[in-house]
Amino acid sequence: MDRRASWLKGVLDLLVLATLTEGESYGYEISKRLDGSGFGRIRGGTLYPVLNRLEEAGLVVAEYRAAPKGPGRRYYTLTDGGRAFLREQGAAWMEFDASVRSVLVDGETA
């Protein structure tokens, strides 16, 4: 049984915030970055509710911009609160990851 989808669901908010630390971005670009990092293709039906939730929480701000050709895009920018949240929750995730790794390593050597 492949559990990666459920693992990703638990950490996707943090991953999206982390992609915005280098500057503003739009949904498709965020999806491409995550795919390029080995998480697979994150579909819009998964990504946009996350972005909306982060915006409602004040962790990102969004700005719609018309495009000279094609449809306009919503650009997302990390807020100061988003940076603080990413630091705090990122540290909590790393602590959780270390605990999981410790148990898995102990289980392999038993």
PDB file of N, CA and C in Angstrom:
ATOM      1  N   MET A   1       0.855  -1.184   0.000  1.00  0.00           N
ATOM      2  CA  MET A   1       0.000   0.000   0.000  1.00  0.00           C
ATOM      3  C   MET A   1       0.900   1.247   0.000  1.00  0.00           C
ATOM      4  N   ASP A   2       0.647   2.148  -0.924  1.00  0.00           N
ATOM      5  CA  ASP A   2       1.427   3.380  -1.040  1.00  0.00           C
ATOM      6  C   ASP A   2       0.776   4.474  -0.202  1.00  0.00           C
ATOM      7  N   ARG A   3       1.476   4.949   0.795  1.00  0.00           N
ATOM      8  CA  ARG A   3       0.949   5.935   1.743  1.00  0.00           C
ATOM      9  C   ARG A   3       1.372   7.365   1.419  1.00  0.00           C
ATOM     10  N   ARG A   4       2.124   7.565   0.332  1.00  0.00           N
ATOM     11  CA  ARG A   4       2.672   8.889   0.043  1.00  0.00           C
ATOM     12  C   ARG A   4       1.601   9.971  -0.096  1.00  0.00           C
ATOM     13  N   ALA A   5       0.466   9.639  -0.689  1.00  0.00           N
ATOM     14  CA  ALA A   5      -0.586  10.647  -0.872  1.00  0.00           C
ATOM     15  C   ALA A   5      -1.084  11.177   0.475  1.00  0.00           C
ATOM     16  N   SER A   6      -1.270  10.292   1.434  1.00  0.00           N
ATOM     17  CA  SER A   6      -1.739  10.749   2.750  1.00  0.00           C
ATOM     18  C   SER A   6      -0.635  11.488   3.497  1.00  0.00           C
ATOM     19  N   TRP A   7       0.620  11.093   3.317  1.00  0.00           N
ATOM     20  CA  TRP A   7       1.724  11.837   3.931  1.00  0.00           C
ATOM     21  C   TRP A   7       1.786  13.238   3.356  1.00  0.00           C
ATOM     22  N   LEU A   8       1.659  13.344   2.037  1.00  0.00           N
ATOM     23  CA  LEU A   8       1.720  14.638   1.364  1.00  0.00           C
ATOM     24  C   LEU A   8       0.605  15.556   1.842  1.00  0.00           C
ATOM     25  N   LYS A   9      -0.570  14.998   2.014  1.00  0.00           N
ATOM     26  CA  LYS A   9      -1.703  15.797   2.476  1.00  0.00           C
ATOM     27  C   LYS A   9      -1.388  16.462   3.814  1.00  0.00           C
ATOM     28  N   GLY A  10      -0.671  15.776   4.671  1.00  0.00           N
ATOM     29  CA  GLY A  10      -0.347  16.302   5.996  1.00  0.00           C
ATOM     30  C   GLY A  10       0.698  17.401   5.999  1.00  0.00           C
ATOM     31  N   VAL A  11       1.462  17.512   4.926  1.00  0.00           N
ATOM     32  CA  VAL A  11       2.562  18.476   4.910  1.00  0.00           C
ATOM     33  C   VAL A  11       2.470  19.459   3.742  1.00  0.00           C
ATOM     34  N   LEU A  12       1.443  19.358   2.917  1.00  0.00           N
ATOM     35  CA  LEU A  12       1.347  20.184   1.718  1.00  0.00           C
ATOM     36  C   LEU A  12       1.307  21.677   2.032  1.00  0.00           C
ATOM     37  N   ASP A  13       0.631  22.081   3.087  1.00  0.00           N
ATOM     38  CA  ASP A  13       0.602  23.505   3.460  1.00  0.00           C
ATOM     39  C   ASP A  13       2.024  24.032   3.648  1.00  0.00           C
ATOM     40  N   LEU A  14       2.840  23.279   4.375  1.00  0.00           N
ATOM     41  CA  LEU A  14       4.218  23.702   4.625  1.00  0.00           C
ATOM     42  C   LEU A  14       5.034  23.743   3.341  1.00  0.00           C
ATOM     43  N   LEU A  15       4.832  22.766   2.481  1.00  0.00           N
ATOM     44  CA  LEU A  15       5.569  22.733   1.220  1.00  0.00           C
ATOM     45  C   LEU A  15       5.216  23.919   0.335  1.00  0.00           C
ATOM     46  N   VAL A  16       3.938  24.257   0.282  1.00  0.00           N
ATOM     47  CA  VAL A  16       3.505  25.408  -0.512  1.00  0.00           C
ATOM     48  C   VAL A  16       4.115  26.688   0.054  1.00  0.00           C
ATOM     49  N   LEU A  17       4.067  26.855   1.367  1.00  0.00           N
ATOM     50  CA  LEU A  17       4.674  28.035   1.983  1.00  0.00           C
ATOM     51  C   LEU A  17       6.170  28.086   1.685  1.00  0.00           C
ATOM     52  N   ALA A  18       6.835  26.952   1.758  1.00  0.00           N
ATOM     53  CA  ALA A  18       8.279  26.904   1.507  1.00  0.00           C
ATOM     54  C   ALA A  18       8.610  27.308   0.073  1.00  0.00           C
ATOM     55  N   THR A  19       7.750  26.968  -0.882  1.00  0.00           N
ATOM     56  CA  THR A  19       8.022  27.369  -2.270  1.00  0.00           C
ATOM     57  C   THR A  19       7.936  28.878  -2.444  1.00  0.00           C
ATOM     58  N   LEU A  20       7.254  29.546  -1.533  1.00  0.00           N
ATOM     59  CA  LEU A  20       7.081  30.996  -1.643  1.00  0.00           C
ATOM     60  C   LEU A  20       8.159  31.792  -0.907  1.00  0.00           C
ATOM     61  N   THR A  21       9.093  31.121  -0.266  1.00  0.00           N
ATOM     62  CA  THR A  21      10.140  31.843   0.463  1.00  0.00           C
ATOM     63  C   THR A  21      11.076  32.592  -0.484  1.00  0.00           C
ATOM     64  N   GLU A  22      11.160  32.150  -1.733  1.00  0.00           N
ATOM     65  CA  GLU A  22      12.042  32.803  -2.700  1.00  0.00           C
ATOM     66  C   GLU A  22      11.345  33.941  -3.432  1.00  0.00           C
ATOM     67  N   GLY A  23      10.068  34.142  -3.186  1.00  0.00           N
ATOM     68  CA  GLY A  23       9.326  35.216  -3.829  1.00  0.00           C
ATOM     69  C   GLY A  23       7.973  34.753  -4.308  1.00  0.00           C
ATOM     70  N   GLU A  24       7.228  35.679  -4.891  1.00  0.00           N
ATOM     71  CA  GLU A  24       5.867  35.390  -5.328  1.00  0.00           C
ATOM     72  C   GLU A  24       5.837  34.325  -6.419  1.00  0.00           C
ATOM     73  N   SER A  25       4.685  33.668  -6.511  1.00  0.00           N
ATOM     74  CA  SER A  25       4.513  32.639  -7.523  1.00  0.00           C
ATOM     75  C   SER A  25       3.025  32.422  -7.749  1.00  0.00           C
ATOM     76  N   TYR A  26       2.698  31.698  -8.787  1.00  0.00           N
ATOM     77  CA  TYR A  26       1.308  31.363  -9.080  1.00  0.00           C
ATOM     78  C   TYR A  26       1.142  29.851  -9.034  1.00  0.00           C
ATOM     79  N   GLY A  27      -0.100  29.396  -9.010  1.00  0.00           N
ATOM     80  CA  GLY A  27      -0.406  27.999  -8.763  1.00  0.00           C
ATOM     81  C   GLY A  27       0.342  26.998  -9.624  1.00  0.00           C
ATOM     82  N   TYR A  28       0.309  27.194 -10.940  1.00  0.00           N
ATOM     83  CA  TYR A  28       0.956  26.226 -11.827  1.00  0.00           C
ATOM     84  C   TYR A  28       2.456  26.157 -11.575  1.00  0.00           C
ATOM     85  N   GLU A  29       3.074  27.295 -11.307  1.00  0.00           N
ATOM     86  CA  GLU A  29       4.514  27.323 -11.033  1.00  0.00           C
ATOM     87  C   GLU A  29       4.824  26.608  -9.717  1.00  0.00           C
ATOM     88  N   ILE A  30       3.992  26.806  -8.710  1.00  0.00           N
ATOM     89  CA  ILE A  30       4.166  26.109  -7.429  1.00  0.00           C
ATOM     90  C   ILE A  30       4.069  24.601  -7.655  1.00  0.00           C
ATOM     91  N   SER A  31       3.084  24.185  -8.421  1.00  0.00           N
ATOM     92  CA  SER A  31       2.902  22.767  -8.731  1.00  0.00           C
ATOM     93  C   SER A  31       4.131  22.201  -9.437  1.00  0.00           C
ATOM     94  N   LYS A  32       4.681  22.942 -10.387  1.00  0.00           N
ATOM     95  CA  LYS A  32       5.871  22.490 -11.113  1.00  0.00           C
ATOM     96  C   LYS A  32       7.072  22.359 -10.173  1.00  0.00           C
ATOM     97  N   ARG A  33       7.228  23.294  -9.252  1.00  0.00           N
ATOM     98  CA  ARG A  33       8.341  23.213  -8.287  1.00  0.00           C
ATOM     99  C   ARG A  33       8.224  21.970  -7.415  1.00  0.00           C
ATOM    100  N   LEU A  34       7.021  21.707  -6.949  1.00  0.00           N
ATOM    101  CA  LEU A  34       6.821  20.530  -6.102  1.00  0.00           C
ATOM    102  C   LEU A  34       7.056  19.244  -6.884  1.00  0.00           C
ATOM    103  N   ASP A  35       6.584  19.214  -8.119  1.00  0.00           N
ATOM    104  CA  ASP A  35       6.819  18.059  -8.983  1.00  0.00           C
ATOM    105  C   ASP A  35       8.317  17.856  -9.186  1.00  0.00           C
ATOM    106  N   GLY A  36       9.029  18.940  -9.458  1.00  0.00           N
ATOM    107  CA  GLY A  36      10.472  18.867  -9.661  1.00  0.00           C
ATOM    108  C   GLY A  36      11.243  18.450  -8.419  1.00  0.00           C
ATOM    109  N   SER A  37      10.621  18.611  -7.255  1.00  0.00           N
ATOM    110  CA  SER A  37      11.248  18.205  -5.996  1.00  0.00           C
ATOM    111  C   SER A  37      10.932  16.762  -5.623  1.00  0.00           C
ATOM    112  N   GLY A  38      10.178  16.084  -6.491  1.00  0.00           N
ATOM    113  CA  GLY A  38       9.914  14.667  -6.256  1.00  0.00           C
ATOM    114  C   GLY A  38       8.568  14.336  -5.643  1.00  0.00           C
ATOM    115  N   PHE A  39       7.672  15.309  -5.531  1.00  0.00           N
ATOM    116  CA  PHE A  39       6.373  15.060  -4.921  1.00  0.00           C
ATOM    117  C   PHE A  39       5.308  14.654  -5.921  1.00  0.00           C
ATOM    118  N   GLY A  40       5.649  14.646  -7.195  1.00  0.00           N
ATOM    119  CA  GLY A  40       4.666  14.312  -8.222  1.00  0.00           C
ATOM    120  C   GLY A  40       3.822  15.526  -8.560  1.00  0.00           C
ATOM    121  N   ARG A  41       2.950  15.314  -9.519  1.00  0.00           N
ATOM    122  CA  ARG A  41       2.101  16.406  -9.984  1.00  0.00           C
ATOM    123  C   ARG A  41       0.985  16.674  -8.979  1.00  0.00           C
ATOM    124  N   ILE A  42       0.915  17.895  -8.501  1.00  0.00           N
ATOM    125  CA  ILE A  42      -0.146  18.303  -7.582  1.00  0.00           C
ATOM    126  C   ILE A  42      -1.213  18.981  -8.437  1.00  0.00           C
ATOM    127  N   ARG A  43      -2.349  18.387  -8.515  1.00  0.00           N
ATOM    128  CA  ARG A  43      -3.420  18.913  -9.364  1.00  0.00           C
ATOM    129  C   ARG A  43      -4.069  20.150  -8.730  1.00  0.00           C
ATOM    130  N   GLY A  44      -4.669  20.955  -9.599  1.00  0.00           N
ATOM    131  CA  GLY A  44      -5.323  22.180  -9.150  1.00  0.00           C
ATOM    132  C   GLY A  44      -6.393  21.938  -8.104  1.00  0.00           C
ATOM    133  N   GLY A  45      -7.122  20.838  -8.229  1.00  0.00           N
ATOM    134  CA  GLY A  45      -8.168  20.514  -7.263  1.00  0.00           C
ATOM    135  C   GLY A  45      -7.633  20.244  -5.871  1.00  0.00           C
ATOM    136  N   THR A  46      -6.349  19.978  -5.769  1.00  0.00           N
ATOM    137  CA  THR A  46      -5.679  19.800  -4.480  1.00  0.00           C
ATOM    138  C   THR A  46      -4.977  21.083  -4.064  1.00  0.00           C
ATOM    139  N   LEU A  47      -4.274  21.714  -5.003  1.00  0.00           N
ATOM    140  CA  LEU A  47      -3.445  22.872  -4.692  1.00  0.00           C
ATOM    141  C   LEU A  47      -4.248  24.130  -4.374  1.00  0.00           C
ATOM    142  N   TYR A  48      -5.264  24.446  -5.172  1.00  0.00           N
ATOM    143  CA  TYR A  48      -5.968  25.721  -4.982  1.00  0.00           C
ATOM    144  C   TYR A  48      -6.744  25.800  -3.667  1.00  0.00           C
ATOM    145  N   PRO A  49      -7.347  24.718  -3.191  1.00  0.00           N
ATOM    146  CA  PRO A  49      -7.943  24.810  -1.843  1.00  0.00           C
ATOM    147  C   PRO A  49      -6.898  25.087  -0.758  1.00  0.00           C
ATOM    148  N   VAL A  50      -5.691  24.546  -0.929  1.00  0.00           N
ATOM    149  CA  VAL A  50      -4.616  24.829   0.027  1.00  0.00           C
ATOM    150  C   VAL A  50      -4.258  26.313  -0.026  1.00  0.00           C
ATOM    151  N   LEU A  51      -4.073  26.833  -1.229  1.00  0.00           N
ATOM    152  CA  LEU A  51      -3.748  28.255  -1.382  1.00  0.00           C
ATOM    153  C   LEU A  51      -4.846  29.146  -0.809  1.00  0.00           C
ATOM    154  N   ASN A  52      -6.104  28.797  -1.053  1.00  0.00           N
ATOM    155  CA  ASN A  52      -7.223  29.572  -0.491  1.00  0.00           C
ATOM    156  C   ASN A  52      -7.219  29.530   1.031  1.00  0.00           C
ATOM    157  N   ARG A  53      -6.966  28.354   1.590  1.00  0.00           N
ATOM    158  CA  ARG A  53      -6.928  28.207   3.049  1.00  0.00           C
ATOM    159  C   ARG A  53      -5.784  29.039   3.642  1.00  0.00           C
ATOM    160  N   LEU A  54      -4.618  29.016   2.981  1.00  0.00           N
ATOM    161  CA  LEU A  54      -3.479  29.800   3.459  1.00  0.00           C
ATOM    162  C   LEU A  54      -3.761  31.296   3.369  1.00  0.00           C
ATOM    163  N   GLU A  55      -4.470  31.698   2.321  1.00  0.00           N
ATOM    164  CA  GLU A  55      -4.837  33.106   2.181  1.00  0.00           C
ATOM    165  C   GLU A  55      -5.827  33.517   3.267  1.00  0.00           C
ATOM    166  N   GLU A  56      -6.837  32.695   3.512  1.00  0.00           N
ATOM    167  CA  GLU A  56      -7.826  32.994   4.552  1.00  0.00           C
ATOM    168  C   GLU A  56      -7.184  33.088   5.928  1.00  0.00           C
ATOM    169  N   ALA A  57      -6.124  32.306   6.138  1.00  0.00           N
ATOM    170  CA  ALA A  57      -5.425  32.321   7.424  1.00  0.00           C
ATOM    171  C   ALA A  57      -4.443  33.488   7.531  1.00  0.00           C
ATOM    172  N   GLY A  58      -4.278  34.251   6.449  1.00  0.00           N
ATOM    173  CA  GLY A  58      -3.360  35.384   6.470  1.00  0.00           C
ATOM    174  C   GLY A  58      -1.902  34.997   6.306  1.00  0.00           C
ATOM    175  N   LEU A  59      -1.650  33.772   5.860  1.00  0.00           N
ATOM    176  CA  LEU A  59      -0.270  33.307   5.702  1.00  0.00           C
ATOM    177  C   LEU A  59       0.309  33.668   4.344  1.00  0.00           C
ATOM    178  N   VAL A  60      -0.581  33.905   3.373  1.00  0.00           N
ATOM    179  CA  VAL A  60      -0.189  34.400   2.054  1.00  0.00           C
ATOM    180  C   VAL A  60      -1.180  35.480   1.643  1.00  0.00           C
ATOM    181  N   VAL A  61      -0.746  36.338   0.738  1.00  0.00           N
ATOM    182  CA  VAL A  61      -1.656  37.282   0.101  1.00  0.00           C
ATOM    183  C   VAL A  61      -1.651  36.968  -1.383  1.00  0.00           C
ATOM    184  N   ALA A  62      -2.789  37.215  -2.012  1.00  0.00           N
ATOM    185  CA  ALA A  62      -2.920  36.923  -3.440  1.00  0.00           C
ATOM    186  C   ALA A  62      -3.276  38.195  -4.189  1.00  0.00           C
ATOM    187  N   GLU A  63      -2.752  38.282  -5.396  1.00  0.00           N
ATOM    188  CA  GLU A  63      -3.046  39.423  -6.258  1.00  0.00           C
ATOM    189  C   GLU A  63      -3.308  38.892  -7.660  1.00  0.00           C
ATOM    190  N   TYR A  64      -4.465  39.256  -8.215  1.00  0.00           N
ATOM    191  CA  TYR A  64      -4.804  38.854  -9.578  1.00  0.00           C
ATOM    192  C   TYR A  64      -4.150  39.822 -10.550  1.00  0.00           C
ATOM    193  N   ARG A  65      -3.524  39.266 -11.578  1.00  0.00           N
ATOM    194  CA  ARG A  65      -2.919  40.089 -12.616  1.00  0.00           C
ATOM    195  C   ARG A  65      -3.374  39.595 -13.981  1.00  0.00           C
ATOM    196  N   ALA A  66      -3.855  40.525 -14.793  1.00  0.00           N
ATOM    197  CA  ALA A  66      -4.219  40.182 -16.166  1.00  0.00           C
ATOM    198  C   ALA A  66      -2.940  39.896 -16.941  1.00  0.00           C
ATOM    199  N   ALA A  67      -3.045  39.004 -17.909  1.00  0.00           N
ATOM    200  CA  ALA A  67      -1.897  38.661 -18.751  1.00  0.00           C
ATOM    201  C   ALA A  67      -2.100  39.246 -20.144  1.00  0.00           C
ATOM    202  N   PRO A  68      -1.004  39.655 -20.797  1.00  0.00           N
ATOM    203  CA  PRO A  68      -1.145  40.189 -22.150  1.00  0.00           C
ATOM    204  C   PRO A  68      -1.722  39.160 -23.120  1.00  0.00           C
ATOM    205  N   LYS A  69      -1.374  37.910 -22.903  1.00  0.00           N
ATOM    206  CA  LYS A  69      -1.920  36.805 -23.709  1.00  0.00           C
ATOM    207  C   LYS A  69      -2.406  35.724 -22.755  1.00  0.00           C
ATOM    208  N   GLY A  70      -3.530  35.161 -23.038  1.00  0.00           N
ATOM    209  CA  GLY A  70      -4.056  34.077 -22.200  1.00  0.00           C
ATOM    210  C   GLY A  70      -4.728  34.594 -20.944  1.00  0.00           C
ATOM    211  N   PRO A  71      -5.093  33.667 -20.076  1.00  0.00           N
ATOM    212  CA  PRO A  71      -5.812  34.048 -18.851  1.00  0.00           C
ATOM    213  C   PRO A  71      -4.896  34.732 -17.836  1.00  0.00           C
ATOM    214  N   GLY A  72      -5.505  35.533 -16.967  1.00  0.00           N
ATOM    215  CA  GLY A  72      -4.759  36.153 -15.887  1.00  0.00           C
ATOM    216  C   GLY A  72      -4.383  35.116 -14.840  1.00  0.00           C
ATOM    217  N   ARG A  73      -3.563  35.540 -13.909  1.00  0.00           N
ATOM    218  CA  ARG A  73      -3.101  34.626 -12.854  1.00  0.00           C
ATOM    219  C   ARG A  73      -3.199  35.305 -11.503  1.00  0.00           C
ATOM    220  N   ARG A  74      -3.367  34.462 -10.482  1.00  0.00           N
ATOM    221  CA  ARG A  74      -3.283  34.941  -9.100  1.00  0.00           C
ATOM    222  C   ARG A  74      -1.873  34.635  -8.612  1.00  0.00           C
ATOM    223  N   TYR A  75      -1.179  35.683  -8.213  1.00  0.00           N
ATOM    224  CA  TYR A  75       0.169  35.542  -7.671  1.00  0.00           C
ATOM    225  C   TYR A  75       0.082  35.548  -6.153  1.00  0.00           C
ATOM    226  N   TYR A  76       0.783  34.618  -5.538  1.00  0.00           N
ATOM    227  CA  TYR A  76       0.764  34.456  -4.088  1.00  0.00           C
ATOM    228  C   TYR A  76       2.104  34.872  -3.510  1.00  0.00           C
ATOM    229  N   THR A  77       2.025  35.595  -2.381  1.00  0.00           N
ATOM    230  CA  THR A  77       3.221  36.068  -1.686  1.00  0.00           C
ATOM    231  C   THR A  77       3.104  35.683  -0.217  1.00  0.00           C
ATOM    232  N   LEU A  78       4.190  35.224   0.336  1.00  0.00           N
ATOM    233  CA  LEU A  78       4.250  34.853   1.746  1.00  0.00           C
ATOM    234  C   LEU A  78       4.193  36.110   2.614  1.00  0.00           C
ATOM    235  N   THR A  79       3.383  36.095   3.651  1.00  0.00           N
ATOM    236  CA  THR A  79       3.317  37.210   4.603  1.00  0.00           C
ATOM    237  C   THR A  79       4.315  36.975   5.733  1.00  0.00           C
ATOM    238  N   ASP A  80       4.515  37.984   6.564  1.00  0.00           N
ATOM    239  CA  ASP A  80       5.376  37.808   7.736  1.00  0.00           C
ATOM    240  C   ASP A  80       4.817  36.704   8.641  1.00  0.00           C
ATOM    241  N   GLY A  81       3.489  36.682   8.778  1.00  0.00           N
ATOM    242  CA  GLY A  81       2.861  35.620   9.566  1.00  0.00           C
ATOM    243  C   GLY A  81       3.086  34.251   8.948  1.00  0.00           C
ATOM    244  N   GLY A  82       3.086  34.199   7.630  1.00  0.00           N
ATOM    245  CA  GLY A  82       3.352  32.944   6.924  1.00  0.00           C
ATOM    246  C   GLY A  82       4.769  32.467   7.154  1.00  0.00           C
ATOM    247  N   ARG A  83       5.711  33.415   7.162  1.00  0.00           N
ATOM    248  CA  ARG A  83       7.114  33.053   7.434  1.00  0.00           C
ATOM    249  C   ARG A  83       7.267  32.512   8.853  1.00  0.00           C
ATOM    250  N   ALA A  84       6.610  33.169   9.814  1.00  0.00           N
ATOM    251  CA  ALA A  84       6.679  32.713  11.209  1.00  0.00           C
ATOM    252  C   ALA A  84       6.049  31.331  11.346  1.00  0.00           C
ATOM    253  N   PHE A  85       4.892  31.146  10.700  1.00  0.00           N
ATOM    254  CA  PHE A  85       4.211  29.849  10.739  1.00  0.00           C
ATOM    255  C   PHE A  85       5.104  28.763  10.140  1.00  0.00           C
ATOM    256  N   LEU A  86       5.732  29.065   9.016  1.00  0.00           N
ATOM    257  CA  LEU A  86       6.617  28.097   8.357  1.00  0.00           C
ATOM    258  C   LEU A  86       7.793  27.737   9.262  1.00  0.00           C
ATOM    259  N   ARG A  87       8.379  28.724   9.928  1.00  0.00           N
ATOM    260  CA  ARG A  87       9.491  28.437  10.848  1.00  0.00           C
ATOM    261  C   ARG A  87       9.038  27.520  11.976  1.00  0.00           C
ATOM    262  N   GLU A  88       7.913  27.879  12.610  1.00  0.00           N
ATOM    263  CA  GLU A  88       7.425  27.112  13.765  1.00  0.00           C
ATOM    264  C   GLU A  88       6.989  25.702  13.367  1.00  0.00           C
ATOM    265  N   GLN A  89       6.134  25.627  12.365  1.00  0.00           N
ATOM    266  CA  GLN A  89       5.597  24.332  11.974  1.00  0.00           C
ATOM    267  C   GLN A  89       6.628  23.498  11.213  1.00  0.00           C
ATOM    268  N   GLY A  90       7.535  24.167  10.505  1.00  0.00           N
ATOM    269  CA  GLY A  90       8.625  23.447   9.848  1.00  0.00           C
ATOM    270  C   GLY A  90       9.512  22.768  10.878  1.00  0.00           C
ATOM    271  N   ALA A  91       9.797  23.479  11.965  1.00  0.00           N
ATOM    272  CA  ALA A  91      10.599  22.889  13.046  1.00  0.00           C
ATOM    273  C   ALA A  91       9.857  21.718  13.687  1.00  0.00           C
ATOM    274  N   ALA A  92       8.548  21.870  13.874  1.00  0.00           N
ATOM    275  CA  ALA A  92       7.750  20.777  14.452  1.00  0.00           C
ATOM    276  C   ALA A  92       7.761  19.561  13.523  1.00  0.00           C
ATOM    277  N   TRP A  93       7.659  19.810  12.196  1.00  0.00           N
ATOM    278  CA  TRP A  93       7.686  18.701  11.238  1.00  0.00           C
ATOM    279  C   TRP A  93       9.044  17.996  11.283  1.00  0.00           C
ATOM    280  N   MET A  94      10.124  18.761  11.356  1.00  0.00           N
ATOM    281  CA  MET A  94      11.464  18.162  11.395  1.00  0.00           C
ATOM    282  C   MET A  94      11.638  17.311  12.654  1.00  0.00           C
ATOM    283  N   GLU A  95      11.070  17.775  13.755  1.00  0.00           N
ATOM    284  CA  GLU A  95      11.117  17.003  14.998  1.00  0.00           C
ATOM    285  C   GLU A  95      10.332  15.701  14.842  1.00  0.00           C
ATOM    286  N   PHE A  96       9.158  15.799  14.234  1.00  0.00           N
ATOM    287  CA  PHE A  96       8.331  14.623  13.978  1.00  0.00           C
ATOM    288  C   PHE A  96       9.071  13.657  13.051  1.00  0.00           C
ATOM    289  N   ASP A  97       9.671  14.188  11.994  1.00  0.00           N
ATOM    290  CA  ASP A  97      10.432  13.377  11.046  1.00  0.00           C
ATOM    291  C   ASP A  97      11.573  12.638  11.749  1.00  0.00           C
ATOM    292  N   ALA A  98      12.276  13.331  12.633  1.00  0.00           N
ATOM    293  CA  ALA A  98      13.378  12.701  13.367  1.00  0.00           C
ATOM    294  C   ALA A  98      12.866  11.561  14.241  1.00  0.00           C
ATOM    295  N   SER A  99      11.705  11.743  14.862  1.00  0.00           N
ATOM    296  CA  SER A  99      11.124  10.683  15.690  1.00  0.00           C
ATOM    297  C   SER A  99      10.741   9.473  14.852  1.00  0.00           C
ATOM    298  N   VAL A 100      10.130   9.716  13.699  1.00  0.00           N
ATOM    299  CA  VAL A 100       9.753   8.622  12.806  1.00  0.00           C
ATOM    300  C   VAL A 100      11.000   7.876  12.346  1.00  0.00           C
ATOM    301  N   ARG A 101      12.013   8.621  11.926  1.00  0.00           N
ATOM    302  CA  ARG A 101      13.260   7.994  11.468  1.00  0.00           C
ATOM    303  C   ARG A 101      13.889   7.148  12.565  1.00  0.00           C
ATOM    304  N   SER A 102      13.885   7.649  13.786  1.00  0.00           N
ATOM    305  CA  SER A 102      14.471   6.926  14.907  1.00  0.00           C
ATOM    306  C   SER A 102      13.777   5.586  15.112  1.00  0.00           C
ATOM    307  N   VAL A 103      12.457   5.598  15.095  1.00  0.00           N
ATOM    308  CA  VAL A 103      11.704   4.355  15.285  1.00  0.00           C
ATOM    309  C   VAL A 103      11.940   3.401  14.122  1.00  0.00           C
ATOM    310  N   LEU A 104      11.947   3.929  12.902  1.00  0.00           N
ATOM    311  CA  LEU A 104      12.165   3.068  11.740  1.00  0.00           C
ATOM    312  C   LEU A 104      13.558   2.444  11.754  1.00  0.00           C
ATOM    313  N   VAL A 105      14.562   3.224  12.112  1.00  0.00           N
ATOM    314  CA  VAL A 105      15.924   2.692  12.175  1.00  0.00           C
ATOM    315  C   VAL A 105      16.025   1.645  13.251  1.00  0.00           C
ATOM    316  N   ASP A 106      15.436   1.915  14.423  1.00  0.00           N
ATOM    317  CA  ASP A 106      15.440   0.918  15.501  1.00  0.00           C
ATOM    318  C   ASP A 106      14.737  -0.357  15.075  1.00  0.00           C
ATOM    319  N   GLY A 107      13.638  -0.211  14.326  1.00  0.00           N
ATOM    320  CA  GLY A 107      12.893  -1.384  13.854  1.00  0.00           C
ATOM    321  C   GLY A 107      13.680  -2.210  12.858  1.00  0.00           C
ATOM    322  N   GLU A 108      14.518  -1.556  12.036  1.00  0.00           N
ATOM    323  CA  GLU A 108      15.324  -2.280  11.057  1.00  0.00           C
ATOM    324  C   GLU A 108      16.466  -3.038  11.711  1.00  0.00           C
ATOM    325  N   THR A 109      16.969  -2.524  12.837  1.00  0.00           N
ATOM    326  CA  THR A 109      18.108  -3.166  13.484  1.00  0.00           C
ATOM    327  C   THR A 109      17.683  -4.199  14.522  1.00  0.00           C
ATOM    328  N   ALA A 110      16.395  -4.274  14.773  1.00  0.00           N
ATOM    329  CA  ALA A 110      15.915  -5.233  15.791  1.00  0.00           C
ATOM    330  C   ALA A 110      15.861  -6.640  15.233  1.00  0.00           C
TER     331      ALA A 110
END
